[in-house]
Amino acid sequence: MIDCKKLREVLDLYVDRELSPDAFAQANEHIAECSACRYAVENLSRLREAIRTAVGKPEPSPELFERVRGLIQPHWYQVVPVQAIAAMLVLAGLLALLVPSVRGEVATALDYFSRSLDNSPRQVVMEGTLLCRDQQLARQYGYRPMCRITGHHGWLVTGDGRFWGILEGTVSQELIHNSSLLGRRVKIQGRIFRKAGSIEVSSYALL
């Protein structure tokens, strides 16, 4: 049973709905009986909402767009995708200039490198909708996605609007590369790497 001390230790995970179903149910039971913990949850939820409202959706300035594009786009090449964060813009542009096999290997290596920076992965069960990051960028920026190569990026979008990158692996192959699953809801069990924004799939079930 979760007590006040244990709840405060996992308060962020509770508000983000990243606890296991059993732990989430135990937390709900405790919160229903404890006004102090209920207040803590409400206060953190209000703070998160205030931050989201204040920050809003980041948009790159036209000046940043032109500066980054000038760095990564040769005159003879097509326009490459641009993302909101300058570092990701440069990375995406450089990867787009590589041949598919090399591009895939680099993208996959970068995924796992970012994962290695997070030394506190958590076992979770998450539900969400499968999306293709490359196709989302293709619709926005008009470049051709390469969905079948290793290094292609699959996304899990959860109900709170968060995007989690699905790490390449034997179990996750279908989720990442089977385009017929795009838009399907899925329940995933695995390890979540919060700093990298990634999830390593150990099992899944289509809903």
C-alpha atoms as a PDB file:
ATOM      1  CA  MET A   1       0.000   0.000   0.000  1.00  0.00           C
ATOM      2  CA  ILE A   2       1.295   3.456  -0.877  1.00  0.00           C
ATOM      3  CA  ASP A   3       1.699   5.868   2.048  1.00  0.00           C
ATOM      4  CA  CYS A   4       2.405   9.604   2.077  1.00  0.00           C
ATOM      5  CA  LYS A   5       6.183   9.181   1.845  1.00  0.00           C
ATOM      6  CA  LYS A   6       6.021   6.780  -1.098  1.00  0.00           C
ATOM      7  CA  LEU A   7       3.488   8.940  -2.917  1.00  0.00           C
ATOM      8  CA  ARG A   8       5.685  12.034  -2.657  1.00  0.00           C
ATOM      9  CA  GLU A   9       8.567  10.015  -4.148  1.00  0.00           C
ATOM     10  CA  VAL A  10       6.510   9.129  -7.241  1.00  0.00           C
ATOM     11  CA  LEU A  11       4.356  12.265  -7.416  1.00  0.00           C
ATOM     12  CA  ASP A  12       5.721  13.308 -10.822  1.00  0.00           C
ATOM     13  CA  LEU A  13       5.080   9.843 -12.235  1.00  0.00           C
ATOM     14  CA  TYR A  14       1.546   9.835 -10.827  1.00  0.00           C
ATOM     15  CA  VAL A  15       0.648  13.204 -12.355  1.00  0.00           C
ATOM     16  CA  ASP A  16       2.193  12.129 -15.678  1.00  0.00           C
ATOM     17  CA  ARG A  17       0.297   8.799 -15.486  1.00  0.00           C
ATOM     18  CA  GLU A  18       3.512   6.825 -15.791  1.00  0.00           C
ATOM     19  CA  LEU A  19       2.943   4.497 -12.840  1.00  0.00           C
ATOM     20  CA  SER A  20       2.035   0.865 -13.367  1.00  0.00           C
ATOM     21  CA  PRO A  21      -1.732   0.163 -13.223  1.00  0.00           C
ATOM     22  CA  ASP A  22      -1.427  -1.434  -9.759  1.00  0.00           C
ATOM     23  CA  ALA A  23       0.649   1.412  -8.334  1.00  0.00           C
ATOM     24  CA  PHE A  24      -1.685   3.989  -9.900  1.00  0.00           C
ATOM     25  CA  ALA A  25      -4.712   2.305  -8.302  1.00  0.00           C
ATOM     26  CA  GLN A  26      -2.993   2.222  -4.903  1.00  0.00           C
ATOM     27  CA  ALA A  27      -2.091   5.895  -5.233  1.00  0.00           C
ATOM     28  CA  ASN A  28      -5.709   6.755  -6.047  1.00  0.00           C
ATOM     29  CA  GLU A  29      -6.891   4.913  -2.941  1.00  0.00           C
ATOM     30  CA  HIS A  30      -4.433   6.802  -0.763  1.00  0.00           C
ATOM     31  CA  ILE A  31      -5.255  10.189  -2.312  1.00  0.00           C
ATOM     32  CA  ALA A  32      -8.964   9.599  -1.738  1.00  0.00           C
ATOM     33  CA  GLU A  33      -8.262   9.263   1.993  1.00  0.00           C
ATOM     34  CA  CYS A  34      -5.439  11.802   2.447  1.00  0.00           C
ATOM     35  CA  SER A  35      -6.276  15.479   1.979  1.00  0.00           C
ATOM     36  CA  ALA A  36      -2.614  16.552   2.208  1.00  0.00           C
ATOM     37  CA  CYS A  37      -1.538  14.291  -0.653  1.00  0.00           C
ATOM     38  CA  ARG A  38      -4.628  15.227  -2.637  1.00  0.00           C
ATOM     39  CA  TYR A  39      -3.658  18.890  -2.272  1.00  0.00           C
ATOM     40  CA  ALA A  40      -0.086  18.091  -3.384  1.00  0.00           C
ATOM     41  CA  VAL A  41      -1.390  16.367  -6.524  1.00  0.00           C
ATOM     42  CA  GLU A  42      -3.764  19.229  -7.340  1.00  0.00           C
ATOM     43  CA  ASN A  43      -1.030  21.799  -6.753  1.00  0.00           C
ATOM     44  CA  LEU A  44       1.455  20.016  -9.037  1.00  0.00           C
ATOM     45  CA  SER A  45      -1.208  19.562 -11.720  1.00  0.00           C
ATOM     46  CA  ARG A  46      -2.035  23.289 -11.614  1.00  0.00           C
ATOM     47  CA  LEU A  47       1.663  24.135 -11.821  1.00  0.00           C
ATOM     48  CA  ARG A  48       2.150  21.877 -14.858  1.00  0.00           C
ATOM     49  CA  GLU A  49      -0.853  23.433 -16.595  1.00  0.00           C
ATOM     50  CA  ALA A  50       0.344  26.967 -15.822  1.00  0.00           C
ATOM     51  CA  ILE A  51       3.769  26.181 -17.273  1.00  0.00           C
ATOM     52  CA  ARG A  52       2.248  24.683 -20.434  1.00  0.00           C
ATOM     53  CA  THR A  53       0.048  27.755 -20.846  1.00  0.00           C
ATOM     54  CA  ALA A  54       2.906  30.193 -20.241  1.00  0.00           C
ATOM     55  CA  VAL A  55       5.413  28.449 -22.484  1.00  0.00           C
ATOM     56  CA  GLY A  56       3.047  27.589 -25.311  1.00  0.00           C
ATOM     57  CA  LYS A  57       4.249  25.906 -28.467  1.00  0.00           C
ATOM     58  CA  PRO A  58       7.807  26.934 -29.415  1.00  0.00           C
ATOM     59  CA  GLU A  59       8.127  28.310 -32.916  1.00  0.00           C
ATOM     60  CA  PRO A  60      11.444  29.037 -34.624  1.00  0.00           C
ATOM     61  CA  SER A  61      11.891  32.559 -35.900  1.00  0.00           C
ATOM     62  CA  PRO A  62      12.231  33.128 -39.679  1.00  0.00           C
ATOM     63  CA  GLU A  63      15.796  34.310 -39.060  1.00  0.00           C
ATOM     64  CA  LEU A  64      16.726  31.038 -37.349  1.00  0.00           C
ATOM     65  CA  PHE A  65      15.072  29.060 -40.141  1.00  0.00           C
ATOM     66  CA  GLU A  66      17.155  30.804 -42.810  1.00  0.00           C
ATOM     67  CA  ARG A  67      20.426  30.615 -40.850  1.00  0.00           C
ATOM     68  CA  VAL A  68      20.141  26.889 -40.215  1.00  0.00           C
ATOM     69  CA  ARG A  69      18.970  26.107 -43.738  1.00  0.00           C
ATOM     70  CA  GLY A  70      21.932  28.048 -45.097  1.00  0.00           C
ATOM     71  CA  LEU A  71      24.284  25.885 -43.054  1.00  0.00           C
ATOM     72  CA  ILE A  72      22.849  22.498 -44.005  1.00  0.00           C
ATOM     73  CA  GLN A  73      21.412  22.915 -47.493  1.00  0.00           C
ATOM     74  CA  PRO A  74      23.766  22.867 -50.509  1.00  0.00           C
ATOM     75  CA  HIS A  75      22.475  24.779 -53.539  1.00  0.00           C
ATOM     76  CA  TRP A  76      22.051  21.581 -55.550  1.00  0.00           C
ATOM     77  CA  TYR A  77      19.994  19.717 -52.938  1.00  0.00           C
ATOM     78  CA  GLN A  78      16.315  19.768 -52.040  1.00  0.00           C
ATOM     79  CA  VAL A  79      14.963  21.540 -48.968  1.00  0.00           C
ATOM     80  CA  VAL A  80      15.546  19.474 -45.830  1.00  0.00           C
ATOM     81  CA  PRO A  81      13.230  19.340 -42.788  1.00  0.00           C
ATOM     82  CA  VAL A  82      13.478  22.023 -40.136  1.00  0.00           C
ATOM     83  CA  GLN A  83      12.504  21.498 -36.510  1.00  0.00           C
ATOM     84  CA  ALA A  84      11.935  23.916 -33.695  1.00  0.00           C
ATOM     85  CA  ILE A  85      15.219  23.320 -31.888  1.00  0.00           C
ATOM     86  CA  ALA A  86      18.326  24.464 -33.717  1.00  0.00           C
ATOM     87  CA  ALA A  87      20.436  21.451 -32.756  1.00  0.00           C
ATOM     88  CA  MET A  88      17.790  19.048 -34.050  1.00  0.00           C
ATOM     89  CA  LEU A  89      17.479  21.096 -37.212  1.00  0.00           C
ATOM     90  CA  VAL A  90      21.150  20.689 -37.999  1.00  0.00           C
ATOM     91  CA  LEU A  91      21.097  16.989 -37.145  1.00  0.00           C
ATOM     92  CA  ALA A  92      18.015  16.266 -39.263  1.00  0.00           C
ATOM     93  CA  GLY A  93      19.489  18.142 -42.202  1.00  0.00           C
ATOM     94  CA  LEU A  94      22.801  16.300 -42.043  1.00  0.00           C
ATOM     95  CA  LEU A  95      21.068  12.927 -41.828  1.00  0.00           C
ATOM     96  CA  ALA A  96      18.892  13.794 -44.817  1.00  0.00           C
ATOM     97  CA  LEU A  97      22.041  14.232 -46.932  1.00  0.00           C
ATOM     98  CA  LEU A  98      23.284  10.707 -46.196  1.00  0.00           C
ATOM     99  CA  VAL A  99      22.414   7.581 -48.178  1.00  0.00           C
ATOM    100  CA  PRO A 100      19.569   5.600 -46.561  1.00  0.00           C
ATOM    101  CA  SER A 101      21.655   2.800 -45.031  1.00  0.00           C
ATOM    102  CA  VAL A 102      24.159   5.171 -43.439  1.00  0.00           C
ATOM    103  CA  ARG A 103      21.398   7.542 -42.385  1.00  0.00           C
ATOM    104  CA  GLY A 104      19.583   4.676 -40.692  1.00  0.00           C
ATOM    105  CA  GLU A 105      22.654   3.454 -38.824  1.00  0.00           C
ATOM    106  CA  VAL A 106      23.447   6.954 -37.587  1.00  0.00           C
ATOM    107  CA  ALA A 107      19.861   7.617 -36.497  1.00  0.00           C
ATOM    108  CA  THR A 108      19.692   4.354 -34.586  1.00  0.00           C
ATOM    109  CA  ALA A 109      23.070   4.950 -32.948  1.00  0.00           C
ATOM    110  CA  LEU A 110      21.971   8.418 -31.840  1.00  0.00           C
ATOM    111  CA  ASP A 111      18.796   6.964 -30.325  1.00  0.00           C
ATOM    112  CA  TYR A 112      20.766   4.532 -28.210  1.00  0.00           C
ATOM    113  CA  PHE A 113      23.395   7.113 -27.312  1.00  0.00           C
ATOM    114  CA  SER A 114      20.696   9.442 -25.979  1.00  0.00           C
ATOM    115  CA  ARG A 115      19.237   6.509 -24.072  1.00  0.00           C
ATOM    116  CA  SER A 116      22.606   5.828 -22.423  1.00  0.00           C
ATOM    117  CA  LEU A 117      22.508   9.313 -20.886  1.00  0.00           C
ATOM    118  CA  ASP A 118      19.515   8.276 -18.764  1.00  0.00           C
ATOM    119  CA  ASN A 119      20.664   6.051 -15.903  1.00  0.00           C
ATOM    120  CA  SER A 120      17.236   5.699 -14.273  1.00  0.00           C
ATOM    121  CA  PRO A 121      14.868   3.945 -16.705  1.00  0.00           C
ATOM    122  CA  ARG A 122      11.506   2.845 -15.308  1.00  0.00           C
ATOM    123  CA  GLN A 123       9.301  -0.107 -16.126  1.00  0.00           C
ATOM    124  CA  VAL A 124       5.952   1.216 -17.340  1.00  0.00           C
ATOM    125  CA  VAL A 125       2.781   0.263 -19.145  1.00  0.00           C
ATOM    126  CA  MET A 126       1.658   2.993 -21.559  1.00  0.00           C
ATOM    127  CA  GLU A 127      -1.245   3.393 -23.957  1.00  0.00           C
ATOM    128  CA  GLY A 128      -1.156   5.666 -26.968  1.00  0.00           C
ATOM    129  CA  THR A 129      -1.423   6.090 -30.719  1.00  0.00           C
ATOM    130  CA  LEU A 130       1.258   5.014 -33.188  1.00  0.00           C
ATOM    131  CA  LEU A 131       2.589   7.721 -35.501  1.00  0.00           C
ATOM    132  CA  CYS A 132       5.446   7.950 -37.970  1.00  0.00           C
ATOM    133  CA  ARG A 133       7.770  10.851 -37.203  1.00  0.00           C
ATOM    134  CA  ASP A 134       9.138  10.920 -40.739  1.00  0.00           C
ATOM    135  CA  GLN A 135       5.664  11.066 -42.271  1.00  0.00           C
ATOM    136  CA  GLN A 136       4.658  13.851 -39.888  1.00  0.00           C
ATOM    137  CA  LEU A 137       7.722  15.822 -40.999  1.00  0.00           C
ATOM    138  CA  ALA A 138       7.040  14.943 -44.636  1.00  0.00           C
ATOM    139  CA  ARG A 139       3.558  16.444 -44.429  1.00  0.00           C
ATOM    140  CA  GLN A 140       4.970  19.579 -42.827  1.00  0.00           C
ATOM    141  CA  TYR A 141       8.116  20.074 -44.889  1.00  0.00           C
ATOM    142  CA  GLY A 142       7.566  18.064 -48.070  1.00  0.00           C
ATOM    143  CA  TYR A 143      10.503  15.672 -48.083  1.00  0.00           C
ATOM    144  CA  ARG A 144      10.162  11.968 -48.808  1.00  0.00           C
ATOM    145  CA  PRO A 145      10.168   9.741 -45.693  1.00  0.00           C
ATOM    146  CA  MET A 146      12.202   6.518 -45.722  1.00  0.00           C
ATOM    147  CA  CYS A 147       9.950   4.398 -43.519  1.00  0.00           C
ATOM    148  CA  ARG A 148      11.416   0.968 -44.210  1.00  0.00           C
ATOM    149  CA  ILE A 149      15.035   1.573 -43.295  1.00  0.00           C
ATOM    150  CA  THR A 150      16.612   0.843 -39.936  1.00  0.00           C
ATOM    151  CA  GLY A 151      16.785   4.148 -38.121  1.00  0.00           C
ATOM    152  CA  HIS A 152      13.317   5.225 -39.179  1.00  0.00           C
ATOM    153  CA  HIS A 153      11.533   6.698 -36.174  1.00  0.00           C
ATOM    154  CA  GLY A 154       8.222   5.524 -34.766  1.00  0.00           C
ATOM    155  CA  TRP A 155       6.348   7.595 -32.220  1.00  0.00           C
ATOM    156  CA  LEU A 156       3.934   6.728 -29.430  1.00  0.00           C
ATOM    157  CA  VAL A 157       1.640   9.668 -28.652  1.00  0.00           C
ATOM    158  CA  THR A 158       0.000   9.367 -25.229  1.00  0.00           C
ATOM    159  CA  GLY A 159      -3.246  10.923 -24.074  1.00  0.00           C
ATOM    160  CA  ASP A 160      -1.474  13.851 -22.414  1.00  0.00           C
ATOM    161  CA  GLY A 161       0.023  14.890 -25.766  1.00  0.00           C
ATOM    162  CA  ARG A 162       3.533  13.598 -25.110  1.00  0.00           C
ATOM    163  CA  PHE A 163       5.590  12.021 -27.897  1.00  0.00           C
ATOM    164  CA  TRP A 164       7.790   9.038 -27.036  1.00  0.00           C
ATOM    165  CA  GLY A 165      10.316   7.672 -29.525  1.00  0.00           C
ATOM    166  CA  ILE A 166      10.110   3.886 -29.927  1.00  0.00           C
ATOM    167  CA  LEU A 167      13.607   2.416 -29.782  1.00  0.00           C
ATOM    168  CA  GLU A 168      14.653  -0.072 -32.456  1.00  0.00           C
ATOM    169  CA  GLY A 169      14.469  -3.681 -31.280  1.00  0.00           C
ATOM    170  CA  THR A 170      13.220  -7.133 -32.181  1.00  0.00           C
ATOM    171  CA  VAL A 171       9.850  -6.632 -30.475  1.00  0.00           C
ATOM    172  CA  SER A 172       9.346  -3.067 -31.730  1.00  0.00           C
ATOM    173  CA  GLN A 173      10.013  -3.765 -35.442  1.00  0.00           C
ATOM    174  CA  GLU A 174       6.325  -4.045 -36.356  1.00  0.00           C
ATOM    175  CA  LEU A 175       5.385  -0.927 -34.411  1.00  0.00           C
ATOM    176  CA  ILE A 176       8.042   1.157 -36.172  1.00  0.00           C
ATOM    177  CA  HIS A 177       8.087  -0.178 -39.726  1.00  0.00           C
ATOM    178  CA  ASN A 178       4.594  -1.573 -40.428  1.00  0.00           C
ATOM    179  CA  SER A 179       2.825   1.428 -41.959  1.00  0.00           C
ATOM    180  CA  SER A 180      -0.557  -0.327 -41.714  1.00  0.00           C
ATOM    181  CA  LEU A 181      -0.410   0.177 -37.935  1.00  0.00           C
ATOM    182  CA  LEU A 182      -0.168   3.973 -38.151  1.00  0.00           C
ATOM    183  CA  GLY A 183      -3.027   5.575 -36.260  1.00  0.00           C
ATOM    184  CA  ARG A 184      -3.714   2.397 -34.263  1.00  0.00           C
ATOM    185  CA  ARG A 185      -3.921   2.511 -30.493  1.00  0.00           C
ATOM    186  CA  VAL A 186      -1.541   0.239 -28.637  1.00  0.00           C
ATOM    187  CA  LYS A 187      -0.636  -0.733 -25.085  1.00  0.00           C
ATOM    188  CA  ILE A 188       3.117  -1.019 -24.586  1.00  0.00           C
ATOM    189  CA  GLN A 189       5.027  -2.542 -21.702  1.00  0.00           C
ATOM    190  CA  GLY A 190       8.683  -1.660 -21.430  1.00  0.00           C
ATOM    191  CA  ARG A 191      11.324   0.678 -20.050  1.00  0.00           C
ATOM    192  CA  ILE A 192      10.890   4.431 -20.364  1.00  0.00           C
ATOM    193  CA  PHE A 193      13.861   6.794 -20.647  1.00  0.00           C
ATOM    194  CA  ARG A 194      12.470  10.170 -19.619  1.00  0.00           C
ATOM    195  CA  LYS A 195      15.559  12.248 -20.460  1.00  0.00           C
ATOM    196  CA  ALA A 196      15.780  10.782 -23.953  1.00  0.00           C
ATOM    197  CA  GLY A 197      12.001  10.790 -24.468  1.00  0.00           C
ATOM    198  CA  SER A 198      12.183   7.139 -25.542  1.00  0.00           C
ATOM    199  CA  ILE A 199      10.611   3.808 -24.702  1.00  0.00           C
ATOM    200  CA  GLU A 200      12.157   0.357 -25.120  1.00  0.00           C
ATOM    201  CA  VAL A 201       9.401  -2.144 -25.909  1.00  0.00           C
ATOM    202  CA  SER A 202       9.336  -5.529 -24.153  1.00  0.00           C
ATOM    203  CA  SER A 203       5.774  -6.420 -25.207  1.00  0.00           C
ATOM    204  CA  TYR A 204       2.722  -4.763 -26.743  1.00  0.00           C
ATOM    205  CA  ALA A 205      -0.920  -5.339 -27.587  1.00  0.00           C
ATOM    206  CA  LEU A 206      -2.963  -3.563 -30.241  1.00  0.00           C
ATOM    207  CA  LEU A 207      -6.199  -2.083 -28.889  1.00  0.00           C
END
